[in-house]
Amino acid sequence: MSKQRPSLPSNRAFVVQLHADAEVDKGRVFGRVEHIVSFQATHFQSIEELVAFIKQVIMTNPPDED
C-alpha cells in the first residue's frame, strides 16, 4: 500500500495573528506568525515580511520523507 502525500502537510501549518489595529483593507497588515511544527515565531510589519518568514521556514523545514 503506497502512502499518499497529504495535501495540507503539517510542516506548512502556521498561525497568523493580526494586531487589533491592523487594517487589511488599507494594506496595514502587522502582527505575529508562528510555525506550528517548529515553534519558530516572529512579529511582522507587512505582508512582505510575513511571506518572507513563511518562505524561510518552509525552506529550512523540509517535509518528512517516510
PDB file of N, CA and C in Angstrom:
ATOM      1  N   MET A   1       0.845  -1.183   0.000  1.00  0.00           N
ATOM      2  CA  MET A   1       0.000   0.000   0.000  1.00  0.00           C
ATOM      3  C   MET A   1       0.890   1.247   0.000  1.00  0.00           C
ATOM      4  N   SER A   2       0.669   2.139  -0.960  1.00  0.00           N
ATOM      5  CA  SER A   2       1.514   3.331  -1.044  1.00  0.00           C
ATOM      6  C   SER A   2       0.930   4.449  -0.192  1.00  0.00           C
ATOM      7  N   LYS A   3       1.840   5.203   0.412  1.00  0.00           N
ATOM      8  CA  LYS A   3       1.432   6.351   1.221  1.00  0.00           C
ATOM      9  C   LYS A   3       1.204   7.542   0.314  1.00  0.00           C
ATOM     10  N   GLN A   4       0.118   8.221   0.514  1.00  0.00           N
ATOM     11  CA  GLN A   4      -0.135   9.440  -0.236  1.00  0.00           C
ATOM     12  C   GLN A   4       0.357  10.634   0.560  1.00  0.00           C
ATOM     13  N   ARG A   5       0.900  11.569  -0.142  1.00  0.00           N
ATOM     14  CA  ARG A   5       1.363  12.801   0.485  1.00  0.00           C
ATOM     15  C   ARG A   5       0.149  13.667   0.826  1.00  0.00           C
ATOM     16  N   PRO A   6       0.064  14.170   2.066  1.00  0.00           N
ATOM     17  CA  PRO A   6      -1.096  14.993   2.419  1.00  0.00           C
ATOM     18  C   PRO A   6      -1.125  16.292   1.619  1.00  0.00           C
ATOM     19  N   SER A   7      -2.309  16.738   1.277  1.00  0.00           N
ATOM     20  CA  SER A   7      -2.425  17.986   0.528  1.00  0.00           C
ATOM     21  C   SER A   7      -2.158  19.208   1.414  1.00  0.00           C
ATOM     22  N   LEU A   8      -2.312  19.046   2.729  1.00  0.00           N
ATOM     23  CA  LEU A   8      -2.033  20.121   3.689  1.00  0.00           C
ATOM     24  C   LEU A   8      -1.064  19.594   4.747  1.00  0.00           C
ATOM     25  N   PRO A   9       0.236  19.459   4.390  1.00  0.00           N
ATOM     26  CA  PRO A   9       1.200  18.874   5.325  1.00  0.00           C
ATOM     27  C   PRO A   9       1.428  19.759   6.552  1.00  0.00           C
ATOM     28  N   SER A  10       1.656  19.112   7.692  1.00  0.00           N
ATOM     29  CA  SER A  10       1.816  19.845   8.953  1.00  0.00           C
ATOM     30  C   SER A  10       3.034  20.756   8.962  1.00  0.00           C
ATOM     31  N   ASN A  11       4.064  20.441   8.185  1.00  0.00           N
ATOM     32  CA  ASN A  11       5.248  21.300   8.170  1.00  0.00           C
ATOM     33  C   ASN A  11       4.979  22.633   7.460  1.00  0.00           C
ATOM     34  N   ARG A  12       3.781  22.791   6.910  1.00  0.00           N
ATOM     35  CA  ARG A  12       3.406  24.047   6.263  1.00  0.00           C
ATOM     36  C   ARG A  12       2.248  24.731   6.995  1.00  0.00           C
ATOM     37  N   ALA A  13       2.074  24.386   8.267  1.00  0.00           N
ATOM     38  CA  ALA A  13       0.993  24.979   9.063  1.00  0.00           C
ATOM     39  C   ALA A  13       1.533  26.144   9.894  1.00  0.00           C
ATOM     40  N   PHE A  14       0.848  27.257   9.815  1.00  0.00           N
ATOM     41  CA  PHE A  14       1.223  28.472  10.531  1.00  0.00           C
ATOM     42  C   PHE A  14      -0.009  29.065  11.205  1.00  0.00           C
ATOM     43  N   VAL A  15       0.222  29.779  12.298  1.00  0.00           N
ATOM     44  CA  VAL A  15      -0.820  30.598  12.912  1.00  0.00           C
ATOM     45  C   VAL A  15      -0.426  32.050  12.673  1.00  0.00           C
ATOM     46  N   VAL A  16      -1.345  32.809  12.106  1.00  0.00           N
ATOM     47  CA  VAL A  16      -1.113  34.230  11.867  1.00  0.00           C
ATOM     48  C   VAL A  16      -2.088  35.001  12.741  1.00  0.00           C
ATOM     49  N   GLN A  17      -1.535  35.849  13.578  1.00  0.00           N
ATOM     50  CA  GLN A  17      -2.357  36.674  14.468  1.00  0.00           C
ATOM     51  C   GLN A  17      -2.157  38.128  14.071  1.00  0.00           C
ATOM     52  N   LEU A  18      -3.252  38.754  13.637  1.00  0.00           N
ATOM     53  CA  LEU A  18      -3.180  40.155  13.244  1.00  0.00           C
ATOM     54  C   LEU A  18      -3.397  41.050  14.455  1.00  0.00           C
ATOM     55  N   HIS A  19      -2.647  42.126  14.509  1.00  0.00           N
ATOM     56  CA  HIS A  19      -2.780  43.119  15.574  1.00  0.00           C
ATOM     57  C   HIS A  19      -4.177  43.734  15.502  1.00  0.00           C
ATOM     58  N   ALA A  20      -4.712  44.133  16.635  1.00  0.00           N
ATOM     59  CA  ALA A  20      -6.048  44.729  16.687  1.00  0.00           C
ATOM     60  C   ALA A  20      -6.154  45.985  15.828  1.00  0.00           C
ATOM     61  N   ASP A  21      -5.048  46.697  15.641  1.00  0.00           N
ATOM     62  CA  ASP A  21      -5.056  47.922  14.840  1.00  0.00           C
ATOM     63  C   ASP A  21      -4.766  47.695  13.360  1.00  0.00           C
ATOM     64  N   ALA A  22      -4.548  46.457  12.953  1.00  0.00           N
ATOM     65  CA  ALA A  22      -4.292  46.167  11.541  1.00  0.00           C
ATOM     66  C   ALA A  22      -5.535  46.505  10.724  1.00  0.00           C
ATOM     67  N   GLU A  23      -5.312  47.082   9.561  1.00  0.00           N
ATOM     68  CA  GLU A  23      -6.393  47.419   8.638  1.00  0.00           C
ATOM     69  C   GLU A  23      -6.070  46.775   7.293  1.00  0.00           C
ATOM     70  N   VAL A  24      -6.458  45.529   7.167  1.00  0.00           N
ATOM     71  CA  VAL A  24      -6.111  44.735   5.986  1.00  0.00           C
ATOM     72  C   VAL A  24      -6.600  45.417   4.713  1.00  0.00           C
ATOM     73  N   ASP A  25      -7.799  45.961   4.736  1.00  0.00           N
ATOM     74  CA  ASP A  25      -8.360  46.607   3.546  1.00  0.00           C
ATOM     75  C   ASP A  25      -7.568  47.838   3.110  1.00  0.00           C
ATOM     76  N   LYS A  26      -6.766  48.392   4.016  1.00  0.00           N
ATOM     77  CA  LYS A  26      -5.935  49.556   3.705  1.00  0.00           C
ATOM     78  C   LYS A  26      -4.463  49.185   3.551  1.00  0.00           C
ATOM     79  N   GLY A  27      -4.166  47.890   3.606  1.00  0.00           N
ATOM     80  CA  GLY A  27      -2.791  47.444   3.446  1.00  0.00           C
ATOM     81  C   GLY A  27      -1.946  47.537   4.700  1.00  0.00           C
ATOM     82  N   ARG A  28      -2.558  47.849   5.829  1.00  0.00           N
ATOM     83  CA  ARG A  28      -1.834  47.918   7.107  1.00  0.00           C
ATOM     84  C   ARG A  28      -1.951  46.556   7.774  1.00  0.00           C
ATOM     85  N   VAL A  29      -0.996  45.697   7.483  1.00  0.00           N
ATOM     86  CA  VAL A  29      -1.020  44.322   7.981  1.00  0.00           C
ATOM     87  C   VAL A  29       0.196  44.118   8.868  1.00  0.00           C
ATOM     88  N   PHE A  30      -0.050  43.887  10.147  1.00  0.00           N
ATOM     89  CA  PHE A  30       1.047  43.599  11.066  1.00  0.00           C
ATOM     90  C   PHE A  30       0.530  42.735  12.200  1.00  0.00           C
ATOM     91  N   GLY A  31       1.471  41.979  12.781  1.00  0.00           N
ATOM     92  CA  GLY A  31       1.092  41.069  13.850  1.00  0.00           C
ATOM     93  C   GLY A  31       2.190  40.070  14.137  1.00  0.00           C
ATOM     94  N   ARG A  32       1.784  38.830  14.374  1.00  0.00           N
ATOM     95  CA  ARG A  32       2.725  37.763  14.764  1.00  0.00           C
ATOM     96  C   ARG A  32       2.371  36.513  13.988  1.00  0.00           C
ATOM     97  N   VAL A  33       3.391  35.744  13.618  1.00  0.00           N
ATOM     98  CA  VAL A  33       3.196  34.475  12.924  1.00  0.00           C
ATOM     99  C   VAL A  33       4.041  33.414  13.615  1.00  0.00           C
ATOM    100  N   GLU A  34       3.488  32.210  13.741  1.00  0.00           N
ATOM    101  CA  GLU A  34       4.210  31.096  14.368  1.00  0.00           C
ATOM    102  C   GLU A  34       4.064  29.838  13.523  1.00  0.00           C
ATOM    103  N   HIS A  35       5.175  29.149  13.335  1.00  0.00           N
ATOM    104  CA  HIS A  35       5.182  27.867  12.629  1.00  0.00           C
ATOM    105  C   HIS A  35       4.786  26.786  13.628  1.00  0.00           C
ATOM    106  N   ILE A  36       3.755  26.033  13.319  1.00  0.00           N
ATOM    107  CA  ILE A  36       3.184  25.066  14.257  1.00  0.00           C
ATOM    108  C   ILE A  36       4.165  23.955  14.630  1.00  0.00           C
ATOM    109  N   VAL A  37       4.915  23.441  13.672  1.00  0.00           N
ATOM    110  CA  VAL A  37       5.787  22.293  13.926  1.00  0.00           C
ATOM    111  C   VAL A  37       7.047  22.678  14.698  1.00  0.00           C
ATOM    112  N   SER A  38       7.706  23.759  14.303  1.00  0.00           N
ATOM    113  CA  SER A  38       9.000  24.126  14.899  1.00  0.00           C
ATOM    114  C   SER A  38       8.882  25.161  16.021  1.00  0.00           C
ATOM    115  N   PHE A  39       7.733  25.779  16.154  1.00  0.00           N
ATOM    116  CA  PHE A  39       7.502  26.847  17.134  1.00  0.00           C
ATOM    117  C   PHE A  39       8.302  28.115  16.827  1.00  0.00           C
ATOM    118  N   GLN A  40       8.914  28.208  15.649  1.00  0.00           N
ATOM    119  CA  GLN A  40       9.576  29.449  15.264  1.00  0.00           C
ATOM    120  C   GLN A  40       8.502  30.522  15.111  1.00  0.00           C
ATOM    121  N   ALA A  41       8.806  31.708  15.588  1.00  0.00           N
ATOM    122  CA  ALA A  41       7.825  32.782  15.526  1.00  0.00           C
ATOM    123  C   ALA A  41       8.520  34.118  15.318  1.00  0.00           C
ATOM    124  N   THR A  42       7.762  35.070  14.791  1.00  0.00           N
ATOM    125  CA  THR A  42       8.274  36.422  14.609  1.00  0.00           C
ATOM    126  C   THR A  42       7.102  37.388  14.525  1.00  0.00           C
ATOM    127  N   HIS A  43       7.411  38.651  14.749  1.00  0.00           N
ATOM    128  CA  HIS A  43       6.440  39.715  14.507  1.00  0.00           C
ATOM    129  C   HIS A  43       6.713  40.236  13.096  1.00  0.00           C
ATOM    130  N   PHE A  44       5.673  40.664  12.406  1.00  0.00           N
ATOM    131  CA  PHE A  44       5.830  41.201  11.058  1.00  0.00           C
ATOM    132  C   PHE A  44       5.112  42.540  10.968  1.00  0.00           C
ATOM    133  N   GLN A  45       5.614  43.383  10.080  1.00  0.00           N
ATOM    134  CA  GLN A  45       5.067  44.721   9.892  1.00  0.00           C
ATOM    135  C   GLN A  45       4.455  44.912   8.507  1.00  0.00           C
ATOM    136  N   SER A  46       4.478  43.849   7.682  1.00  0.00           N
ATOM    137  CA  SER A  46       3.935  43.949   6.330  1.00  0.00           C
ATOM    138  C   SER A  46       3.679  42.545   5.782  1.00  0.00           C
ATOM    139  N   ILE A  47       2.890  42.497   4.724  1.00  0.00           N
ATOM    140  CA  ILE A  47       2.657  41.219   4.033  1.00  0.00           C
ATOM    141  C   ILE A  47       3.983  40.649   3.547  1.00  0.00           C
ATOM    142  N   GLU A  48       4.867  41.512   3.058  1.00  0.00           N
ATOM    143  CA  GLU A  48       6.162  41.049   2.548  1.00  0.00           C
ATOM    144  C   GLU A  48       6.979  40.366   3.638  1.00  0.00           C
ATOM    145  N   GLU A  49       6.985  40.939   4.848  1.00  0.00           N
ATOM    146  CA  GLU A  49       7.702  40.319   5.964  1.00  0.00           C
ATOM    147  C   GLU A  49       7.057  38.988   6.360  1.00  0.00           C
ATOM    148  N   LEU A  50       5.742  38.937   6.343  1.00  0.00           N
ATOM    149  CA  LEU A  50       5.032  37.693   6.661  1.00  0.00           C
ATOM    150  C   LEU A  50       5.401  36.597   5.669  1.00  0.00           C
ATOM    151  N   VAL A  51       5.325  36.914   4.392  1.00  0.00           N
ATOM    152  CA  VAL A  51       5.640  35.926   3.353  1.00  0.00           C
ATOM    153  C   VAL A  51       7.112  35.527   3.411  1.00  0.00           C
ATOM    154  N   ALA A  52       8.004  36.458   3.676  1.00  0.00           N
ATOM    155  CA  ALA A  52       9.435  36.146   3.776  1.00  0.00           C
ATOM    156  C   ALA A  52       9.698  35.159   4.906  1.00  0.00           C
ATOM    157  N   PHE A  53       9.035  35.351   6.048  1.00  0.00           N
ATOM    158  CA  PHE A  53       9.200  34.427   7.172  1.00  0.00           C
ATOM    159  C   PHE A  53       8.685  33.043   6.801  1.00  0.00           C
ATOM    160  N   ILE A  54       7.505  32.975   6.213  1.00  0.00           N
ATOM    161  CA  ILE A  54       6.950  31.675   5.822  1.00  0.00           C
ATOM    162  C   ILE A  54       7.868  30.976   4.833  1.00  0.00           C
ATOM    163  N   LYS A  55       8.366  31.700   3.861  1.00  0.00           N
ATOM    164  CA  LYS A  55       9.275  31.122   2.865  1.00  0.00           C
ATOM    165  C   LYS A  55      10.540  30.587   3.536  1.00  0.00           C
ATOM    166  N   GLN A  56      11.126  31.369   4.434  1.00  0.00           N
ATOM    167  CA  GLN A  56      12.356  30.952   5.118  1.00  0.00           C
ATOM    168  C   GLN A  56      12.115  29.684   5.927  1.00  0.00           C
ATOM    169  N   VAL A  57      11.000  29.609   6.643  1.00  0.00           N
ATOM    170  CA  VAL A  57      10.696  28.445   7.465  1.00  0.00           C
ATOM    171  C   VAL A  57      10.472  27.212   6.598  1.00  0.00           C
ATOM    172  N   ILE A  58       9.718  27.356   5.529  1.00  0.00           N
ATOM    173  CA  ILE A  58       9.451  26.206   4.655  1.00  0.00           C
ATOM    174  C   ILE A  58      10.740  25.697   4.028  1.00  0.00           C
ATOM    175  N   MET A  59      11.618  26.602   3.646  1.00  0.00           N
ATOM    176  CA  MET A  59      12.879  26.186   3.017  1.00  0.00           C
ATOM    177  C   MET A  59      13.803  25.474   3.998  1.00  0.00           C
ATOM    178  N   THR A  60      13.730  25.800   5.282  1.00  0.00           N
ATOM    179  CA  THR A  60      14.614  25.180   6.271  1.00  0.00           C
ATOM    180  C   THR A  60      13.962  24.021   7.024  1.00  0.00           C
ATOM    181  N   ASN A  61      12.690  23.749   6.748  1.00  0.00           N
ATOM    182  CA  ASN A  61      11.976  22.635   7.395  1.00  0.00           C
ATOM    183  C   ASN A  61      11.293  21.791   6.312  1.00  0.00           C
ATOM    184  N   PRO A  62      12.100  21.006   5.580  1.00  0.00           N
ATOM    185  CA  PRO A  62      11.505  20.204   4.507  1.00  0.00           C
ATOM    186  C   PRO A  62      10.556  19.140   5.062  1.00  0.00           C
ATOM    187  N   PRO A  63       9.651  18.638   4.227  1.00  0.00           N
ATOM    188  CA  PRO A  63       8.715  17.609   4.694  1.00  0.00           C
ATOM    189  C   PRO A  63       9.442  16.323   5.062  1.00  0.00           C
ATOM    190  N   ASP A  64       8.856  15.581   5.996  1.00  0.00           N
ATOM    191  CA  ASP A  64       9.414  14.275   6.362  1.00  0.00           C
ATOM    192  C   ASP A  64       9.217  13.322   5.199  1.00  0.00           C
ATOM    193  N   GLU A  65      10.222  12.551   4.932  1.00  0.00           N
ATOM    194  CA  GLU A  65      10.148  11.519   3.892  1.00  0.00           C
ATOM    195  C   GLU A  65      10.053  10.170   4.567  1.00  0.00           C
ATOM    196  N   ASP A  66       8.844   9.656   4.726  1.00  0.00           N
ATOM    197  CA  ASP A  66       8.645   8.354   5.371  1.00  0.00           C
ATOM    198  C   ASP A  66       8.635   7.242   4.364  1.00  0.00           C
TER     199      ASP A  66
END
